[in-house]
Every structure is written in structure tokens, then in C-alpha cells.
C-alpha atoms as a PDB file:
ATOM      1  CA  UNK A   1       9.750  -1.100   3.049  1.00  0.00           C
ATOM      2  CA  UNK A   2       6.866  -3.225   1.835  1.00  0.00           C
ATOM      3  CA  UNK A   3       4.466  -2.369  -0.987  1.00  0.00           C
ATOM      4  CA  UNK A   4       0.958  -3.406  -1.989  1.00  0.00           C
ATOM      5  CA  UNK A   5      -1.080  -2.700  -5.112  1.00  0.00           C
ATOM      6  CA  UNK A   6      -4.838  -2.074  -5.292  1.00  0.00           C
ATOM      7  CA  UNK A   7      -7.022  -1.187  -8.236  1.00  0.00           C
ATOM      8  CA  UNK A   8      -9.685   1.271  -7.178  1.00  0.00           C
ATOM      9  CA  UNK A   9      -8.892   4.671  -8.658  1.00  0.00           C
ATOM     10  CA  UNK A  10     -11.034   7.392 -10.257  1.00  0.00           C
ATOM     11  CA  UNK A  11     -10.238  10.683 -11.967  1.00  0.00           C
ATOM     12  CA  UNK A  12     -12.529  13.599 -11.045  1.00  0.00           C
ATOM     13  CA  UNK A  13     -11.389  16.784 -12.734  1.00  0.00           C
ATOM     14  CA  UNK A  14      -7.891  17.527 -11.417  1.00  0.00           C
ATOM     15  CA  UNK A  15      -8.291  15.010  -8.599  1.00  0.00           C
ATOM     16  CA  UNK A  16      -7.712  11.329  -8.166  1.00  0.00           C
ATOM     17  CA  UNK A  17      -9.543   9.331  -5.539  1.00  0.00           C
ATOM     18  CA  UNK A  18     -10.001   5.750  -4.540  1.00  0.00           C
ATOM     19  CA  UNK A  19      -8.487   3.157  -2.210  1.00  0.00           C
ATOM     20  CA  UNK A  20      -4.786   2.564  -1.685  1.00  0.00           C
ATOM     21  CA  UNK A  21      -5.450  -0.529   0.482  1.00  0.00           C
ATOM     22  CA  UNK A  22      -8.408  -2.803   1.130  1.00  0.00           C
ATOM     23  CA  UNK A  23      -9.204  -4.562   4.398  1.00  0.00           C
ATOM     24  CA  UNK A  24      -9.956  -8.222   4.858  1.00  0.00           C
ATOM     25  CA  UNK A  25      -8.576  -9.424   1.522  1.00  0.00           C
ATOM     26  CA  UNK A  26      -6.415 -12.543   1.820  1.00  0.00           C
ATOM     27  CA  UNK A  27      -3.327 -12.163  -0.343  1.00  0.00           C
ATOM     28  CA  UNK A  28      -0.933 -14.989  -1.098  1.00  0.00           C
ATOM     29  CA  UNK A  29       2.704 -13.878  -0.780  1.00  0.00           C
ATOM     30  CA  UNK A  30       5.104 -16.661  -1.633  1.00  0.00           C
ATOM     31  CA  UNK A  31       4.671 -19.231   1.104  1.00  0.00           C
ATOM     32  CA  UNK A  32       2.280 -17.304   3.356  1.00  0.00           C
ATOM     33  CA  UNK A  33      -1.036 -15.456   3.301  1.00  0.00           C
ATOM     34  CA  UNK A  34      -1.444 -11.882   4.469  1.00  0.00           C
ATOM     35  CA  UNK A  35      -4.462  -9.760   5.357  1.00  0.00           C
ATOM     36  CA  UNK A  36      -4.752  -6.107   6.369  1.00  0.00           C
ATOM     37  CA  UNK A  37      -7.128  -5.651   9.296  1.00  0.00           C
ATOM     38  CA  UNK A  38      -9.466  -2.683   9.728  1.00  0.00           C
ATOM     39  CA  UNK A  39      -7.760   0.150  11.578  1.00  0.00           C
ATOM     40  CA  UNK A  40      -4.253  -0.757  10.405  1.00  0.00           C
ATOM     41  CA  UNK A  41      -3.617   2.852   9.309  1.00  0.00           C
ATOM     42  CA  UNK A  42      -5.333   4.631  12.230  1.00  0.00           C
ATOM     43  CA  UNK A  43      -2.152   5.448  14.156  1.00  0.00           C
ATOM     44  CA  UNK A  44      -0.285   6.769  11.110  1.00  0.00           C
ATOM     45  CA  UNK A  45      -3.185   8.993  10.092  1.00  0.00           C
ATOM     46  CA  UNK A  46      -3.759  10.301  13.636  1.00  0.00           C
ATOM     47  CA  UNK A  47      -0.055  11.112  14.111  1.00  0.00           C
ATOM     48  CA  UNK A  48      -0.238  13.634  11.299  1.00  0.00           C
ATOM     49  CA  UNK A  49       2.791  12.164   9.507  1.00  0.00           C
ATOM     50  CA  UNK A  50       3.690  13.692   6.159  1.00  0.00           C
ATOM     51  CA  UNK A  51       2.591  10.993   3.723  1.00  0.00           C
ATOM     52  CA  UNK A  52       3.517  11.430   0.076  1.00  0.00           C
ATOM     53  CA  UNK A  53       1.545  10.521  -3.037  1.00  0.00           C
ATOM     54  CA  UNK A  54       4.027   9.490  -5.721  1.00  0.00           C
ATOM     55  CA  UNK A  55       3.982   8.405  -9.330  1.00  0.00           C
ATOM     56  CA  UNK A  56       5.258   4.809  -9.511  1.00  0.00           C
ATOM     57  CA  UNK A  57       6.995   4.983  -6.090  1.00  0.00           C
ATOM     58  CA  UNK A  58       9.410   7.587  -7.497  1.00  0.00           C
ATOM     59  CA  UNK A  59      10.270  10.214  -4.837  1.00  0.00           C
ATOM     60  CA  UNK A  60      11.266  12.603  -7.642  1.00  0.00           C
ATOM     61  CA  UNK A  61       7.664  12.590  -8.928  1.00  0.00           C
ATOM     62  CA  UNK A  62       5.589  13.870  -6.009  1.00  0.00           C
ATOM     63  CA  UNK A  63       1.904  14.229  -6.865  1.00  0.00           C
ATOM     64  CA  UNK A  64       0.582  15.364  -3.472  1.00  0.00           C
ATOM     65  CA  UNK A  65       1.303  15.207   0.252  1.00  0.00           C
ATOM     66  CA  UNK A  66      -0.603  15.390   3.487  1.00  0.00           C
ATOM     67  CA  UNK A  67       1.582  18.193   4.877  1.00  0.00           C
ATOM     68  CA  UNK A  68       0.362  20.611   2.207  1.00  0.00           C
ATOM     69  CA  UNK A  69      -3.234  19.355   2.304  1.00  0.00           C
ATOM     70  CA  UNK A  70      -3.138  18.185  -1.329  1.00  0.00           C
ATOM     71  CA  UNK A  71      -3.433  14.545  -0.175  1.00  0.00           C
ATOM     72  CA  UNK A  72      -6.242  13.517   2.144  1.00  0.00           C
ATOM     73  CA  UNK A  73      -6.307  10.059   3.721  1.00  0.00           C
ATOM     74  CA  UNK A  74      -9.053   8.385   5.712  1.00  0.00           C
ATOM     75  CA  UNK A  75     -10.181   4.947   6.769  1.00  0.00           C
ATOM     76  CA  UNK A  76     -13.615   3.502   6.282  1.00  0.00           C
ATOM     77  CA  UNK A  77     -15.026  -0.015   6.394  1.00  0.00           C
ATOM     78  CA  UNK A  78     -13.438  -0.903   3.021  1.00  0.00           C
ATOM     79  CA  UNK A  79      -9.894   0.313   3.613  1.00  0.00           C
ATOM     80  CA  UNK A  80      -7.516   3.235   3.233  1.00  0.00           C
ATOM     81  CA  UNK A  81      -9.271   5.866   1.128  1.00  0.00           C
ATOM     82  CA  UNK A  82      -7.462   8.752  -0.532  1.00  0.00           C
ATOM     83  CA  UNK A  83      -8.352  11.929  -2.367  1.00  0.00           C
ATOM     84  CA  UNK A  84      -5.611  14.019  -3.977  1.00  0.00           C
ATOM     85  CA  UNK A  85      -5.317  17.228  -5.940  1.00  0.00           C
ATOM     86  CA  UNK A  86      -3.118  16.420  -8.930  1.00  0.00           C
ATOM     87  CA  UNK A  87      -0.498  19.005  -9.941  1.00  0.00           C
ATOM     88  CA  UNK A  88      -0.117  20.442 -13.447  1.00  0.00           C
ATOM     89  CA  UNK A  89       3.290  18.795 -13.746  1.00  0.00           C
ATOM     90  CA  UNK A  90       4.223  16.300 -16.443  1.00  0.00           C
ATOM     91  CA  UNK A  91       3.778  13.419 -13.984  1.00  0.00           C
ATOM     92  CA  UNK A  92       0.422  14.785 -12.822  1.00  0.00           C
ATOM     93  CA  UNK A  93      -0.912  15.293 -16.341  1.00  0.00           C
ATOM     94  CA  UNK A  94       0.294  11.831 -17.375  1.00  0.00           C
ATOM     95  CA  UNK A  95      -1.426  10.142 -14.439  1.00  0.00           C
ATOM     96  CA  UNK A  96      -4.705  11.992 -15.044  1.00  0.00           C
ATOM     97  CA  UNK A  97      -4.654  11.086 -18.738  1.00  0.00           C
ATOM     98  CA  UNK A  98      -3.962   7.417 -17.987  1.00  0.00           C
ATOM     99  CA  UNK A  99      -6.691   7.370 -15.296  1.00  0.00           C
ATOM    100  CA  UNK A 100      -9.257   8.882 -17.644  1.00  0.00           C
ATOM    101  CA  UNK A 101      -8.412   6.275 -20.312  1.00  0.00           C
ATOM    102  CA  UNK A 102      -8.561   3.438 -17.759  1.00  0.00           C
ATOM    103  CA  UNK A 103      -4.920   2.545 -18.430  1.00  0.00           C
ATOM    104  CA  UNK A 104      -3.531   2.772 -14.901  1.00  0.00           C
ATOM    105  CA  UNK A 105      -2.513  -0.379 -13.044  1.00  0.00           C
ATOM    106  CA  UNK A 106      -3.976   1.002  -9.803  1.00  0.00           C
ATOM    107  CA  UNK A 107      -2.697   2.210  -6.475  1.00  0.00           C
ATOM    108  CA  UNK A 108       0.104   0.966  -4.285  1.00  0.00           C
ATOM    109  CA  UNK A 109       1.402   1.903  -0.867  1.00  0.00           C
ATOM    110  CA  UNK A 110       4.763   1.679   0.870  1.00  0.00           C
ATOM    111  CA  UNK A 111       4.880   0.846   4.573  1.00  0.00           C
ATOM    112  CA  UNK A 112       6.817  -0.681   7.427  1.00  0.00           C
ATOM    113  CA  UNK A 113       5.416  -2.817  10.225  1.00  0.00           C
ATOM    114  CA  UNK A 114       6.251  -2.053  13.867  1.00  0.00           C
ATOM    115  CA  UNK A 115       6.985  -5.131  15.977  1.00  0.00           C
ATOM    116  CA  UNK A 116       3.553  -4.999  17.645  1.00  0.00           C
ATOM    117  CA  UNK A 117       1.789  -4.370  14.323  1.00  0.00           C
ATOM    118  CA  UNK A 118       1.643  -7.918  13.039  1.00  0.00           C
ATOM    119  CA  UNK A 119       0.424 -11.285  14.219  1.00  0.00           C
ATOM    120  CA  UNK A 120       1.474 -14.608  12.777  1.00  0.00           C
ATOM    121  CA  UNK A 121      -0.666 -17.740  12.963  1.00  0.00           C
ATOM    122  CA  UNK A 122       1.099 -20.559  11.148  1.00  0.00           C
ATOM    123  CA  UNK A 123       1.495 -19.284   7.568  1.00  0.00           C
ATOM    124  CA  UNK A 124      -0.939 -16.355   7.925  1.00  0.00           C
ATOM    125  CA  UNK A 125       0.194 -12.817   8.692  1.00  0.00           C
ATOM    126  CA  UNK A 126      -2.282 -10.252   9.988  1.00  0.00           C
ATOM    127  CA  UNK A 127      -1.291  -6.618   9.635  1.00  0.00           C
ATOM    128  CA  UNK A 128      -2.871  -4.844  12.592  1.00  0.00           C
ATOM    129  CA  UNK A 129      -0.910  -1.586  12.524  1.00  0.00           C
ATOM    130  CA  UNK A 130       1.440  -0.268   9.849  1.00  0.00           C
ATOM    131  CA  UNK A 131       3.519   2.864   9.449  1.00  0.00           C
ATOM    132  CA  UNK A 132       2.496   4.354   6.122  1.00  0.00           C
ATOM    133  CA  UNK A 133       5.221   6.208   4.195  1.00  0.00           C
ATOM    134  CA  UNK A 134       3.665   6.776   0.797  1.00  0.00           C
ATOM    135  CA  UNK A 135       0.926   5.866  -1.602  1.00  0.00           C
ATOM    136  CA  UNK A 136       1.635   5.651  -5.321  1.00  0.00           C
ATOM    137  CA  UNK A 137      -0.327   5.826  -8.512  1.00  0.00           C
ATOM    138  CA  UNK A 138       1.136   2.961 -10.537  1.00  0.00           C
ATOM    139  CA  UNK A 139       0.962   3.022 -14.292  1.00  0.00           C
ATOM    140  CA  UNK A 140       2.417  -0.314 -15.384  1.00  0.00           C
ATOM    141  CA  UNK A 141       1.330  -2.945 -12.882  1.00  0.00           C
ATOM    142  CA  UNK A 142      -1.618  -5.110 -13.865  1.00  0.00           C
ATOM    143  CA  UNK A 143      -4.931  -4.530 -12.146  1.00  0.00           C
ATOM    144  CA  UNK A 144      -6.079  -7.242  -9.748  1.00  0.00           C
ATOM    145  CA  UNK A 145      -9.196  -7.497  -7.655  1.00  0.00           C
ATOM    146  CA  UNK A 146      -8.584  -6.328  -4.115  1.00  0.00           C
ATOM    147  CA  UNK A 147      -5.076  -5.890  -2.869  1.00  0.00           C
ATOM    148  CA  UNK A 148      -2.022  -7.689  -4.195  1.00  0.00           C
ATOM    149  CA  UNK A 149       1.680  -7.727  -3.508  1.00  0.00           C
ATOM    150  CA  UNK A 150       4.403  -5.987  -5.429  1.00  0.00           C
ATOM    151  CA  UNK A 151       8.180  -6.087  -4.829  1.00  0.00           C
ATOM    152  CA  UNK A 152       7.767  -7.680  -1.472  1.00  0.00           C
ATOM    153  CA  UNK A 153       9.515 -10.452   0.430  1.00  0.00           C
ATOM    154  CA  UNK A 154       8.734 -12.310   3.618  1.00  0.00           C
ATOM    155  CA  UNK A 155      10.325 -10.667   6.664  1.00  0.00           C
ATOM    156  CA  UNK A 156      13.763 -11.950   7.571  1.00  0.00           C
ATOM    157  CA  UNK A 157      13.459 -14.712  10.163  1.00  0.00           C
ATOM    158  CA  UNK A 158      15.464 -14.849  13.360  1.00  0.00           C
ATOM    159  CA  UNK A 159      18.558 -17.123  13.398  1.00  0.00           C
ATOM    160  CA  UNK A 160      16.767 -19.493  15.816  1.00  0.00           C
ATOM    161  CA  UNK A 161      13.789 -19.810  13.479  1.00  0.00           C
ATOM    162  CA  UNK A 162      16.063 -20.455  10.490  1.00  0.00           C
ATOM    163  CA  UNK A 163      17.935 -23.169  12.435  1.00  0.00           C
ATOM    164  CA  UNK A 164      14.654 -24.761  13.548  1.00  0.00           C
ATOM    165  CA  UNK A 165      13.336 -24.838   9.971  1.00  0.00           C
ATOM    166  CA  UNK A 166      16.547 -26.440   8.716  1.00  0.00           C
ATOM    167  CA  UNK A 167      16.397 -29.065  11.461  1.00  0.00           C
ATOM    168  CA  UNK A 168      12.750 -29.843  10.670  1.00  0.00           C
ATOM    169  CA  UNK A 169      13.591 -30.213   6.961  1.00  0.00           C
ATOM    170  CA  UNK A 170      15.968 -33.057   7.858  1.00  0.00           C
ATOM    171  CA  UNK A 171      13.221 -35.103   9.529  1.00  0.00           C
END
């Protein structure tokens, strides 16, 4: 599963809202650049999948979920917007306190990419459709403008591509 981090997050009473992903922001990931295209989350949202909102990607600290209606996701021209009702749990109270103080690192999301969901052009990857699994409020990651990468590696290349790269490196 891949993860991204974004910074737009606001506390409003017992709710958190903001953007878990932004469209059209070029992000450098190791040796390639990646961009999320508008509509990348449309299929996941329309399928009615149960998407979780977690604290720091920890499945033991659920903050909200779409199945119960405590997490609402939508797309607009900027990206993947969210609005969640935060529980009165320790994790929920901690996240609200950190958000109100401005101490949170931002938002992140975990996803996989179906084979038809990406397009490569040289060293640029376009994410056209992703399967969203979760969004997370992250407390410790630094805030960056737009969307950045966290705990993410380039997809594993096919054996033919690896052999071709090795051959080209000998030239």
C-alpha cells in the first residue's frame, strides 16, 4: 500500500475537515515524479467502499469510517476532501487538541493502484485512478505544501525492465 501526506486540516468543534490529497501537485519520489489527476478517487467513492479514518495509519485507532457515516469523502477541483466526526476516545481527543494547537503534521492516505490506474511517461507517473483504503490524521510528520510522499517506494519493475536497465547501465 502506498501513502501520501498533505497538510490541509481544520478542527471545527468535534469535527476535522480538510484535504487528504491534492490534485495536480508534482511530487518527487526518489528517481521519479508523481502527480494525482482530478477524478483519481471517483471510482472508490462511488463504489461505497468502507474507508477508514485512522490516527497515524494505526488500524487500532479508528477515528471515523464511511460505513457508519462518521467520515464523509468528496472530490472537488482541489482534491480529495474529507469531513469527519471525531470520537470522544483518547485518540480522538488527542487529535482534536493537536489540531487546535496547530501541531499536527497533516493528513495522509493509504491506497493501491489498479493496473489501469496509472500512466508512466519516462520518469513521470500519473495516478488516474486509485483504490483508497484509508485516510489518516498524522501527528508527527512535518507539514509540506501540497502533497508529499511518506513510506513509499517505486513499484517493483518487471524482470524484463530490470534486465534492460542493467544492460543500458553497461553502455
